[in-house]
């Protein structure tokens, strides 16, 4: 009886193995592209000036994001469509630079990458060294959207921030608090756990964290 039961099971086992072999472990069309990170966390109540950096004359920031301790800033030349993407470490030292065309927009990807989108293409790089991880089209669905003609501004993630002179007011879910800035900013960007300011008169960036 034992051998006959085993014999009866063999065709079933063979069928199961055959079906398993035919199954595609990763179905065609499955999208394993990493998602961009969610909204950045607000700057802390005890934030102070972390670092300052100087942009070249006639250059101004377009967009900024933070991935961990690294802050990535895209800046545009006011004379033509030139774009530079610069990564700063926790002390404000330049980690790497890249160039693009048109005002590049940025999106954090995972814990150690950033997606760069300019007028012509998109590419994902490691925030540590700027090495290209992936390349794509300018219309990547993960790219931030900005359209001057349609009245869609560059996303600044500054909805919780108000500036009056050198006082930055943060409207957090737990209540409002104020942070004293070094100089009155011309523009601000909310980045993860921080705020980046730009002073147009001196072409200076300040990061508060």
Protein backbone atom coordinates (compact mmCIF):
# COMPACT_ATOMS: atom_id res chain seq x y z
CA UNK A 1 0.00 0.00 0.00
CA UNK A 2 2.79 2.42 0.83
CA UNK A 3 4.47 2.09 -2.59
CA UNK A 4 1.14 2.34 -4.40
CA UNK A 5 0.26 5.59 -2.53
CA UNK A 6 3.64 7.06 -3.43
CA UNK A 7 3.14 6.08 -7.05
CA UNK A 8 -0.23 7.81 -7.07
CA UNK A 9 1.31 10.98 -5.73
CA UNK A 10 4.12 11.17 -8.28
CA UNK A 11 1.99 12.49 -11.19
CA UNK A 12 0.59 15.19 -8.91
CA UNK A 13 4.07 16.21 -7.79
CA UNK A 14 5.26 16.34 -11.39
CA UNK A 15 2.29 18.51 -12.34
CA UNK A 16 3.00 20.91 -9.47
CA UNK A 17 6.63 21.22 -10.50
CA UNK A 18 5.64 21.86 -14.10
CA UNK A 19 3.20 24.60 -13.11
CA UNK A 20 5.79 26.18 -10.84
CA UNK A 21 8.35 26.24 -13.62
CA UNK A 22 5.90 27.94 -15.95
CA UNK A 23 5.11 30.74 -13.52
CA UNK A 24 6.94 34.04 -14.09
CA UNK A 25 8.42 35.18 -10.76
CA UNK A 26 8.36 38.81 -11.97
CA UNK A 27 5.39 39.40 -14.28
CA UNK A 28 6.12 41.37 -17.43
CA UNK A 29 5.33 45.03 -16.96
CA UNK A 30 5.82 44.97 -13.20
CA UNK A 31 7.19 48.33 -12.09
CA UNK A 32 10.03 47.99 -9.60
CA UNK A 33 11.10 51.65 -9.94
CA UNK A 34 11.62 53.14 -6.47
CA UNK A 35 9.03 55.70 -5.42
CA UNK A 36 9.96 59.22 -4.49
CA UNK A 37 9.89 60.12 -0.81
CA UNK A 38 6.86 61.69 0.84
CA UNK A 39 6.56 65.29 2.06
CA UNK A 40 9.59 66.56 3.99
CA UNK A 41 9.52 66.80 7.77
CA UNK A 42 9.32 70.30 9.23
CA UNK A 43 12.37 72.11 10.54
CA UNK A 44 12.91 71.58 14.27
CA UNK A 45 12.00 74.24 16.83
CA UNK A 46 15.62 74.53 17.97
CA UNK A 47 17.06 74.77 14.44
CA UNK A 48 20.01 77.08 13.87
CA UNK A 49 22.22 77.98 10.93
CA UNK A 50 23.87 74.73 9.76
CA UNK A 51 25.89 76.12 6.86
CA UNK A 52 26.15 78.85 4.22
CA UNK A 53 27.23 78.60 0.60
CA UNK A 54 27.85 81.12 -2.15
CA UNK A 55 26.45 80.82 -5.67
CA UNK A 56 28.22 82.32 -8.66
CA UNK A 57 27.05 85.71 -9.87
CA UNK A 58 23.92 85.61 -12.07
CA UNK A 59 22.99 82.18 -10.74
CA UNK A 60 19.91 81.59 -8.56
CA UNK A 61 18.34 78.48 -7.02
CA UNK A 62 15.49 76.69 -8.77
CA UNK A 63 14.75 73.82 -6.43
CA UNK A 64 16.14 72.07 -3.34
CA UNK A 65 15.62 68.75 -1.55
CA UNK A 66 17.33 66.89 1.27
CA UNK A 67 18.18 63.20 1.44
CA UNK A 68 19.54 62.36 4.87
CA UNK A 69 22.27 64.89 5.70
CA UNK A 70 22.81 65.79 2.04
CA UNK A 71 21.05 68.81 0.52
CA UNK A 72 20.82 68.93 -3.27
CA UNK A 73 20.22 72.30 -4.94
CA UNK A 74 19.53 73.01 -8.60
CA UNK A 75 20.41 76.49 -9.79
CA UNK A 76 19.92 78.28 -13.08
CA UNK A 77 21.98 80.84 -14.95
CA UNK A 78 19.94 83.98 -15.55
CA UNK A 79 21.48 84.56 -18.97
CA UNK A 80 20.50 81.27 -20.69
CA UNK A 81 19.08 77.82 -19.90
CA UNK A 82 22.15 76.51 -18.10
CA UNK A 83 21.50 74.48 -14.96
CA UNK A 84 23.78 73.16 -12.24
CA UNK A 85 22.91 70.55 -9.64
CA UNK A 86 25.05 70.71 -6.51
CA UNK A 87 25.07 68.40 -3.49
CA UNK A 88 26.19 69.76 -0.12
CA UNK A 89 27.15 67.64 2.87
CA UNK A 90 26.21 68.28 6.52
CA UNK A 91 28.90 70.99 6.78
CA UNK A 92 28.04 72.73 3.51
CA UNK A 93 30.99 71.30 1.58
CA UNK A 94 30.33 70.42 -2.06
CA UNK A 95 30.08 66.66 -2.59
CA UNK A 96 29.50 66.71 -6.34
CA UNK A 97 28.11 68.78 -9.20
CA UNK A 98 26.31 67.99 -12.43
CA UNK A 99 24.90 70.08 -15.26
CA UNK A 100 21.59 70.02 -17.11
CA UNK A 101 19.40 72.04 -19.43
CA UNK A 102 16.61 74.26 -18.20
CA UNK A 103 15.42 74.61 -14.61
CA UNK A 104 16.03 71.18 -13.11
CA UNK A 105 13.51 69.91 -10.54
CA UNK A 106 14.40 67.35 -7.89
CA UNK A 107 12.75 64.53 -5.95
CA UNK A 108 14.25 62.37 -3.18
CA UNK A 109 14.21 58.65 -3.98
CA UNK A 110 14.54 56.18 -1.13
CA UNK A 111 17.20 56.84 1.49
CA UNK A 112 20.19 57.60 -0.71
CA UNK A 113 19.17 58.77 -4.18
CA UNK A 114 17.72 61.83 -5.89
CA UNK A 115 15.78 62.08 -9.15
CA UNK A 116 16.82 65.00 -11.40
CA UNK A 117 14.40 66.21 -14.09
CA UNK A 118 15.32 68.88 -16.65
CA UNK A 119 13.71 69.91 -19.93
CA UNK A 120 15.24 67.04 -21.90
CA UNK A 121 15.59 64.00 -19.65
CA UNK A 122 15.55 62.60 -16.13
CA UNK A 123 18.16 60.64 -14.26
CA UNK A 124 18.61 59.21 -10.77
CA UNK A 125 21.88 59.60 -8.91
CA UNK A 126 23.41 58.51 -5.62
CA UNK A 127 23.50 61.46 -3.21
CA UNK A 128 26.85 60.30 -1.83
CA UNK A 129 28.88 60.63 -5.02
CA UNK A 130 26.55 61.69 -7.85
CA UNK A 131 26.97 58.40 -9.73
CA UNK A 132 24.11 57.79 -12.17
CA UNK A 133 21.88 54.92 -11.06
CA UNK A 134 19.18 55.14 -13.72
CA UNK A 135 18.20 57.24 -16.73
CA UNK A 136 14.76 58.08 -18.11
CA UNK A 137 12.60 60.56 -19.96
CA UNK A 138 11.74 64.11 -18.97
CA UNK A 139 8.11 63.07 -18.50
CA UNK A 140 8.87 60.53 -15.74
CA UNK A 141 5.69 60.44 -13.65
CA UNK A 142 7.78 60.86 -10.49
CA UNK A 143 9.16 64.23 -11.61
CA UNK A 144 7.82 67.34 -9.84
CA UNK A 145 5.65 69.54 -12.04
CA UNK A 146 6.07 73.26 -12.66
CA UNK A 147 4.45 75.28 -15.44
CA UNK A 148 4.65 79.08 -15.45
CA UNK A 149 2.07 79.40 -18.22
CA UNK A 150 -0.41 77.27 -16.27
CA UNK A 151 0.33 79.06 -13.02
CA UNK A 152 1.89 75.99 -11.41
CA UNK A 153 4.90 77.15 -9.37
CA UNK A 154 8.04 75.21 -8.58
CA UNK A 155 7.16 73.10 -5.51
CA UNK A 156 8.83 74.65 -2.48
CA UNK A 157 7.24 72.67 0.36
CA UNK A 158 6.91 75.98 2.20
CA UNK A 159 3.21 75.87 3.06
CA UNK A 160 3.95 75.63 6.79
CA UNK A 161 6.43 78.52 6.77
CA UNK A 162 5.93 82.28 7.02
CA UNK A 163 8.72 84.85 6.92
CA UNK A 164 8.69 88.36 8.33
CA UNK A 165 12.11 89.98 8.22
CA UNK A 166 14.46 87.59 10.00
CA UNK A 167 11.72 85.64 11.79
CA UNK A 168 10.58 82.32 10.34
CA UNK A 169 7.25 81.15 11.75
CA UNK A 170 6.53 77.42 11.52
CA UNK A 171 2.91 76.29 11.64
CA UNK A 172 3.21 72.72 12.89
CA UNK A 173 0.33 70.38 13.82
CA UNK A 174 1.38 70.76 17.47
CA UNK A 175 1.42 74.54 17.42
CA UNK A 176 3.42 77.41 15.97
CA UNK A 177 6.99 78.34 16.82
CA UNK A 178 9.57 80.84 15.57
CA UNK A 179 13.14 80.53 14.35
CA UNK A 180 15.50 83.49 14.08
CA UNK A 181 17.23 83.76 10.69
CA UNK A 182 20.60 85.33 10.00
CA UNK A 183 19.29 87.55 7.18
CA UNK A 184 15.92 88.33 5.62
CA UNK A 185 15.61 85.82 2.78
CA UNK A 186 14.54 86.51 -0.78
CA UNK A 187 13.27 82.92 -1.21
CA UNK A 188 12.87 79.79 0.90
CA UNK A 189 12.49 76.07 0.28
CA UNK A 190 11.31 73.49 2.79
CA UNK A 191 13.61 70.44 2.79
CA UNK A 192 13.47 67.39 5.03
CA UNK A 193 14.08 68.55 8.62
CA UNK A 194 15.27 71.94 7.43
CA UNK A 195 14.73 75.19 5.56
CA UNK A 196 17.00 76.52 2.82
CA UNK A 197 17.02 80.29 2.27
CA UNK A 198 18.48 82.40 -0.53
CA UNK A 199 19.60 86.02 -0.24
CA UNK A 200 19.57 87.47 -3.74
CA UNK A 201 21.70 90.52 -2.96
CA UNK A 202 24.66 88.40 -1.92
CA UNK A 203 23.90 85.18 -3.85
CA UNK A 204 24.05 83.30 -0.54
CA UNK A 205 22.37 80.08 0.56
CA UNK A 206 21.68 79.39 4.24
CA UNK A 207 20.54 76.02 5.57
CA UNK A 208 18.75 75.92 8.93
CA UNK A 209 18.48 72.57 10.68
